[in-house]
Amino acid sequence: MPDSLADLVLQLDQFAKARDWQQFHSPKNLASALVVEAGELLEHFQWLTEAQSRALPPDKRDAVGAEVADVLLYLIQLATALGIDPVEAARAKLEVNAVKYPVERARGTSRKYDEI
């Protein structure tokens, strides 16, 4: 089975069309659904220590994987609805971040760009 982002976009489109769901997939609704799913992802880590969050048991890791999938799917649908290439947008953002967070000033710190 193909596994590129473009293939996933096509699969999502076919999935929604088969169910006549495009009518509900406005950018506003997709962004809202994305935030809800991101909250469900975060819920798995609530109250865990840093160490616990890095060493999830297999069942918890599977549940987190399902939420990661939900977030990814809604993000792809939102980008598609707005005509945004998410890979190109991510590459452009990496270039911006490279300027904001130069290695010599940002290495080893979690401070925001305007504090380094």
N, C-alpha and C. Protein backbone atom coordinates (compact mmCIF):
# COMPACT_ATOMS: atom_id res chain seq x y z
N MET A 1 0.85 -1.19 0.00
CA MET A 1 0.00 0.00 0.00
C MET A 1 0.89 1.24 0.00
N PRO A 2 0.61 2.20 -0.86
CA PRO A 2 1.39 3.43 -0.90
C PRO A 2 1.31 4.16 0.45
N ASP A 3 2.39 4.86 0.78
CA ASP A 3 2.42 5.50 2.09
C ASP A 3 2.87 6.95 2.06
N SER A 4 2.75 7.62 0.93
CA SER A 4 3.14 9.02 0.86
C SER A 4 2.02 9.90 1.40
N LEU A 5 2.37 11.14 1.68
CA LEU A 5 1.38 12.09 2.16
C LEU A 5 0.31 12.31 1.09
N ALA A 6 0.72 12.36 -0.16
CA ALA A 6 -0.25 12.54 -1.25
C ALA A 6 -1.24 11.38 -1.29
N ASP A 7 -0.75 10.17 -1.04
CA ASP A 7 -1.65 9.01 -1.01
C ASP A 7 -2.64 9.12 0.15
N LEU A 8 -2.16 9.59 1.27
CA LEU A 8 -3.02 9.75 2.43
C LEU A 8 -4.09 10.81 2.17
N VAL A 9 -3.71 11.89 1.51
CA VAL A 9 -4.68 12.93 1.13
C VAL A 9 -5.77 12.33 0.26
N LEU A 10 -5.38 11.53 -0.70
CA LEU A 10 -6.34 10.89 -1.60
C LEU A 10 -7.26 9.94 -0.83
N GLN A 11 -6.69 9.14 0.05
CA GLN A 11 -7.50 8.22 0.85
C GLN A 11 -8.50 8.98 1.73
N LEU A 12 -8.06 10.07 2.33
CA LEU A 12 -8.96 10.87 3.17
C LEU A 12 -10.09 11.46 2.34
N ASP A 13 -9.76 11.95 1.15
CA ASP A 13 -10.77 12.52 0.27
C ASP A 13 -11.80 11.46 -0.12
N GLN A 14 -11.34 10.28 -0.50
CA GLN A 14 -12.25 9.20 -0.86
C GLN A 14 -13.12 8.77 0.32
N PHE A 15 -12.51 8.70 1.50
CA PHE A 15 -13.23 8.33 2.72
C PHE A 15 -14.37 9.32 2.99
N ALA A 16 -14.06 10.61 2.91
CA ALA A 16 -15.07 11.64 3.18
C ALA A 16 -16.15 11.66 2.10
N LYS A 17 -15.74 11.53 0.84
CA LYS A 17 -16.72 11.54 -0.25
C LYS A 17 -17.68 10.37 -0.15
N ALA A 18 -17.19 9.20 0.19
CA ALA A 18 -18.05 8.02 0.30
C ALA A 18 -19.12 8.21 1.37
N ARG A 19 -18.84 9.04 2.34
CA ARG A 19 -19.77 9.27 3.45
C ARG A 19 -20.50 10.61 3.34
N ASP A 20 -20.24 11.33 2.26
CA ASP A 20 -20.82 12.65 2.03
C ASP A 20 -20.52 13.59 3.21
N TRP A 21 -19.28 13.58 3.65
CA TRP A 21 -18.88 14.40 4.80
C TRP A 21 -18.23 15.72 4.41
N GLN A 22 -17.94 15.92 3.11
CA GLN A 22 -17.28 17.17 2.73
C GLN A 22 -18.08 18.39 3.16
N GLN A 23 -19.39 18.25 3.20
CA GLN A 23 -20.25 19.37 3.59
C GLN A 23 -19.96 19.86 5.01
N PHE A 24 -19.37 19.01 5.83
CA PHE A 24 -19.06 19.37 7.21
C PHE A 24 -17.61 19.82 7.39
N HIS A 25 -16.81 19.66 6.35
CA HIS A 25 -15.37 19.88 6.46
C HIS A 25 -14.94 21.29 6.07
N SER A 26 -15.57 22.27 6.70
CA SER A 26 -15.11 23.65 6.51
C SER A 26 -13.80 23.82 7.28
N PRO A 27 -12.99 24.79 6.90
CA PRO A 27 -11.77 25.02 7.67
C PRO A 27 -12.04 25.23 9.16
N LYS A 28 -13.09 25.96 9.50
CA LYS A 28 -13.43 26.18 10.91
C LYS A 28 -13.72 24.88 11.63
N ASN A 29 -14.53 24.03 11.01
CA ASN A 29 -14.87 22.75 11.65
C ASN A 29 -13.65 21.83 11.76
N LEU A 30 -12.83 21.83 10.73
CA LEU A 30 -11.63 20.97 10.77
C LEU A 30 -10.64 21.47 11.81
N ALA A 31 -10.47 22.79 11.91
CA ALA A 31 -9.57 23.34 12.94
C ALA A 31 -10.11 23.02 14.33
N SER A 32 -11.41 23.11 14.51
CA SER A 32 -12.01 22.77 15.81
C SER A 32 -11.79 21.31 16.15
N ALA A 33 -12.01 20.44 15.19
CA ALA A 33 -11.82 19.00 15.41
C ALA A 33 -10.35 18.69 15.71
N LEU A 34 -9.46 19.39 15.04
CA LEU A 34 -8.02 19.21 15.27
C LEU A 34 -7.66 19.55 16.71
N VAL A 35 -8.19 20.65 17.21
CA VAL A 35 -7.91 21.05 18.60
C VAL A 35 -8.49 20.04 19.58
N VAL A 36 -9.67 19.55 19.32
CA VAL A 36 -10.27 18.54 20.19
C VAL A 36 -9.39 17.29 20.23
N GLU A 37 -8.96 16.84 19.06
CA GLU A 37 -8.11 15.64 19.02
C GLU A 37 -6.76 15.88 19.69
N ALA A 38 -6.20 17.07 19.52
CA ALA A 38 -4.94 17.39 20.20
C ALA A 38 -5.13 17.36 21.71
N GLY A 39 -6.28 17.80 22.18
CA GLY A 39 -6.59 17.72 23.62
C GLY A 39 -6.68 16.27 24.08
N GLU A 40 -7.27 15.42 23.25
CA GLU A 40 -7.35 14.00 23.60
C GLU A 40 -5.96 13.37 23.63
N LEU A 41 -5.08 13.81 22.76
CA LEU A 41 -3.70 13.35 22.78
C LEU A 41 -3.02 13.79 24.07
N LEU A 42 -3.18 15.03 24.43
CA LEU A 42 -2.57 15.56 25.65
C LEU A 42 -3.09 14.85 26.90
N GLU A 43 -4.33 14.46 26.88
CA GLU A 43 -4.93 13.80 28.03
C GLU A 43 -4.15 12.54 28.45
N HIS A 44 -3.56 11.86 27.50
CA HIS A 44 -2.78 10.66 27.82
C HIS A 44 -1.53 10.97 28.64
N PHE A 45 -1.07 12.21 28.58
CA PHE A 45 0.15 12.59 29.29
C PHE A 45 -0.12 13.38 30.57
N GLN A 46 -1.38 13.74 30.77
CA GLN A 46 -1.73 14.52 31.95
C GLN A 46 -1.34 13.74 33.20
N TRP A 47 -0.65 14.41 34.08
CA TRP A 47 -0.23 13.90 35.38
C TRP A 47 0.96 12.94 35.32
N LEU A 48 1.49 12.67 34.14
CA LEU A 48 2.67 11.82 34.06
C LEU A 48 3.92 12.66 34.34
N THR A 49 4.93 12.02 34.86
CA THR A 49 6.21 12.68 35.00
C THR A 49 6.88 12.69 33.62
N GLU A 50 7.98 13.46 33.51
CA GLU A 50 8.74 13.45 32.25
C GLU A 50 9.19 12.03 31.92
N ALA A 51 9.70 11.33 32.92
CA ALA A 51 10.19 9.97 32.69
C ALA A 51 9.06 9.04 32.26
N GLN A 52 7.92 9.12 32.90
CA GLN A 52 6.78 8.28 32.53
C GLN A 52 6.33 8.57 31.10
N SER A 53 6.36 9.84 30.72
CA SER A 53 5.92 10.20 29.37
C SER A 53 6.85 9.65 28.29
N ARG A 54 8.08 9.36 28.67
CA ARG A 54 9.06 8.81 27.72
C ARG A 54 9.05 7.28 27.69
N ALA A 55 8.36 6.66 28.62
CA ALA A 55 8.38 5.19 28.74
C ALA A 55 6.96 4.65 28.86
N LEU A 56 6.14 4.95 27.87
CA LEU A 56 4.75 4.50 27.91
C LEU A 56 4.68 2.98 27.74
N PRO A 57 3.79 2.33 28.50
CA PRO A 57 3.58 0.90 28.26
C PRO A 57 2.93 0.70 26.89
N PRO A 58 3.07 -0.48 26.32
CA PRO A 58 2.57 -0.72 24.96
C PRO A 58 1.11 -0.34 24.73
N ASP A 59 0.23 -0.64 25.67
CA ASP A 59 -1.19 -0.31 25.46
C ASP A 59 -1.41 1.19 25.43
N LYS A 60 -0.70 1.92 26.28
CA LYS A 60 -0.82 3.39 26.31
C LYS A 60 -0.20 3.98 25.04
N ARG A 61 0.90 3.41 24.61
CA ARG A 61 1.56 3.87 23.39
C ARG A 61 0.64 3.67 22.18
N ASP A 62 -0.08 2.57 22.13
CA ASP A 62 -1.04 2.33 21.05
C ASP A 62 -2.16 3.36 21.08
N ALA A 63 -2.65 3.66 22.27
CA ALA A 63 -3.72 4.66 22.41
C ALA A 63 -3.22 6.04 21.97
N VAL A 64 -2.00 6.37 22.34
CA VAL A 64 -1.41 7.64 21.92
C VAL A 64 -1.25 7.64 20.40
N GLY A 65 -0.85 6.52 19.84
CA GLY A 65 -0.73 6.42 18.38
C GLY A 65 -2.03 6.68 17.67
N ALA A 66 -3.13 6.21 18.23
CA ALA A 66 -4.44 6.46 17.63
C ALA A 66 -4.79 7.95 17.66
N GLU A 67 -4.42 8.62 18.74
CA GLU A 67 -4.68 10.06 18.84
C GLU A 67 -3.76 10.84 17.91
N VAL A 68 -2.51 10.40 17.79
CA VAL A 68 -1.60 11.04 16.84
C VAL A 68 -2.19 10.93 15.43
N ALA A 69 -2.73 9.77 15.10
CA ALA A 69 -3.35 9.57 13.79
C ALA A 69 -4.53 10.53 13.60
N ASP A 70 -5.37 10.67 14.61
CA ASP A 70 -6.50 11.60 14.50
C ASP A 70 -6.03 13.03 14.25
N VAL A 71 -5.00 13.45 14.98
CA VAL A 71 -4.46 14.80 14.81
C VAL A 71 -3.91 14.96 13.40
N LEU A 72 -3.13 13.99 12.95
CA LEU A 72 -2.55 14.06 11.61
C LEU A 72 -3.64 14.11 10.53
N LEU A 73 -4.64 13.27 10.66
CA LEU A 73 -5.70 13.23 9.65
C LEU A 73 -6.46 14.55 9.57
N TYR A 74 -6.80 15.13 10.72
CA TYR A 74 -7.49 16.42 10.69
C TYR A 74 -6.59 17.53 10.17
N LEU A 75 -5.30 17.49 10.52
CA LEU A 75 -4.37 18.49 10.02
C LEU A 75 -4.26 18.41 8.50
N ILE A 76 -4.17 17.21 7.97
CA ILE A 76 -4.10 17.04 6.52
C ILE A 76 -5.38 17.54 5.86
N GLN A 77 -6.52 17.22 6.45
CA GLN A 77 -7.79 17.68 5.87
C GLN A 77 -7.89 19.20 5.90
N LEU A 78 -7.44 19.82 6.98
CA LEU A 78 -7.48 21.28 7.07
C LEU A 78 -6.56 21.90 6.02
N ALA A 79 -5.36 21.38 5.91
CA ALA A 79 -4.43 21.90 4.91
C ALA A 79 -5.01 21.75 3.51
N THR A 80 -5.60 20.61 3.23
CA THR A 80 -6.20 20.37 1.91
C THR A 80 -7.34 21.34 1.65
N ALA A 81 -8.19 21.55 2.64
CA ALA A 81 -9.33 22.46 2.49
C ALA A 81 -8.87 23.89 2.18
N LEU A 82 -7.69 24.25 2.67
CA LEU A 82 -7.18 25.61 2.48
C LEU A 82 -6.16 25.70 1.33
N GLY A 83 -5.89 24.57 0.68
CA GLY A 83 -4.94 24.58 -0.42
C GLY A 83 -3.50 24.79 0.04
N ILE A 84 -3.19 24.31 1.24
CA ILE A 84 -1.84 24.43 1.80
C ILE A 84 -1.14 23.09 1.67
N ASP A 85 0.07 23.13 1.15
CA ASP A 85 0.91 21.92 1.11
C ASP A 85 1.60 21.85 2.47
N PRO A 86 1.21 20.90 3.32
CA PRO A 86 1.78 20.88 4.67
C PRO A 86 3.28 20.62 4.71
N VAL A 87 3.79 19.87 3.77
CA VAL A 87 5.23 19.61 3.73
C VAL A 87 5.97 20.89 3.36
N GLU A 88 5.49 21.59 2.37
CA GLU A 88 6.13 22.86 1.98
C GLU A 88 5.99 23.89 3.10
N ALA A 89 4.85 23.94 3.74
CA ALA A 89 4.66 24.88 4.86
C ALA A 89 5.63 24.55 6.00
N ALA A 90 5.83 23.27 6.27
CA ALA A 90 6.76 22.86 7.33
C ALA A 90 8.19 23.21 6.96
N ARG A 91 8.56 23.00 5.71
CA ARG A 91 9.92 23.36 5.26
C ARG A 91 10.16 24.86 5.40
N ALA A 92 9.17 25.65 4.99
CA ALA A 92 9.29 27.11 5.10
C ALA A 92 9.41 27.53 6.57
N LYS A 93 8.64 26.89 7.43
CA LYS A 93 8.69 27.21 8.85
C LYS A 93 10.04 26.83 9.45
N LEU A 94 10.62 25.72 9.02
CA LEU A 94 11.95 25.34 9.49
C LEU A 94 12.99 26.40 9.12
N GLU A 95 12.86 26.96 7.93
CA GLU A 95 13.78 28.02 7.52
C GLU A 95 13.63 29.26 8.40
N VAL A 96 12.39 29.63 8.71
CA VAL A 96 12.13 30.76 9.60
C VAL A 96 12.71 30.48 10.99
N ASN A 97 12.47 29.27 11.48
CA ASN A 97 12.96 28.92 12.82
C ASN A 97 14.48 28.86 12.88
N ALA A 98 15.13 28.49 11.78
CA ALA A 98 16.59 28.46 11.75
C ALA A 98 17.16 29.86 11.96
N VAL A 99 16.47 30.86 11.45
CA VAL A 99 16.90 32.25 11.65
C VAL A 99 16.58 32.71 13.07
N LYS A 100 15.40 32.36 13.56
CA LYS A 100 15.00 32.76 14.92
C LYS A 100 15.83 32.07 16.00
N TYR A 101 16.23 30.84 15.73
CA TYR A 101 16.94 30.02 16.72
C TYR A 101 18.29 29.55 16.16
N PRO A 102 19.23 30.47 15.98
CA PRO A 102 20.53 30.03 15.47
C PRO A 102 21.20 29.08 16.47
N VAL A 103 21.88 28.09 15.94
CA VAL A 103 22.48 27.04 16.76
C VAL A 103 23.33 27.62 17.88
N GLU A 104 24.16 28.59 17.54
CA GLU A 104 25.10 29.12 18.53
C GLU A 104 24.40 29.80 19.72
N ARG A 105 23.17 30.23 19.55
CA ARG A 105 22.45 30.86 20.67
C ARG A 105 21.38 29.97 21.27
N ALA A 106 20.83 29.05 20.49
CA ALA A 106 19.69 28.26 20.94
C ALA A 106 20.06 26.88 21.48
N ARG A 107 21.24 26.41 21.18
CA ARG A 107 21.63 25.06 21.59
C ARG A 107 21.53 24.88 23.10
N GLY A 108 20.76 23.85 23.51
CA GLY A 108 20.65 23.47 24.91
C GLY A 108 19.73 24.33 25.76
N THR A 109 18.98 25.23 25.14
CA THR A 109 18.05 26.06 25.91
C THR A 109 16.64 25.94 25.35
N SER A 110 15.66 26.06 26.21
CA SER A 110 14.27 26.01 25.77
C SER A 110 13.66 27.41 25.74
N ARG A 111 14.49 28.42 25.92
CA ARG A 111 13.96 29.79 25.91
C ARG A 111 13.48 30.19 24.52
N LYS A 112 12.51 31.09 24.52
CA LYS A 112 11.94 31.59 23.27
C LYS A 112 12.97 32.45 22.54
N TYR A 113 12.78 32.57 21.23
CA TYR A 113 13.75 33.26 20.39
C TYR A 113 14.05 34.70 20.85
N ASP A 114 13.05 35.37 21.42
CA ASP A 114 13.29 36.75 21.85
C ASP A 114 13.96 36.84 23.22
N GLU A 115 14.29 35.68 23.79
CA GLU A 115 14.97 35.65 25.09
C GLU A 115 16.39 35.07 24.99
N ILE A 116 16.79 34.67 23.79
CA ILE A 116 18.14 34.08 23.67
C ILE A 116 19.11 35.08 23.06
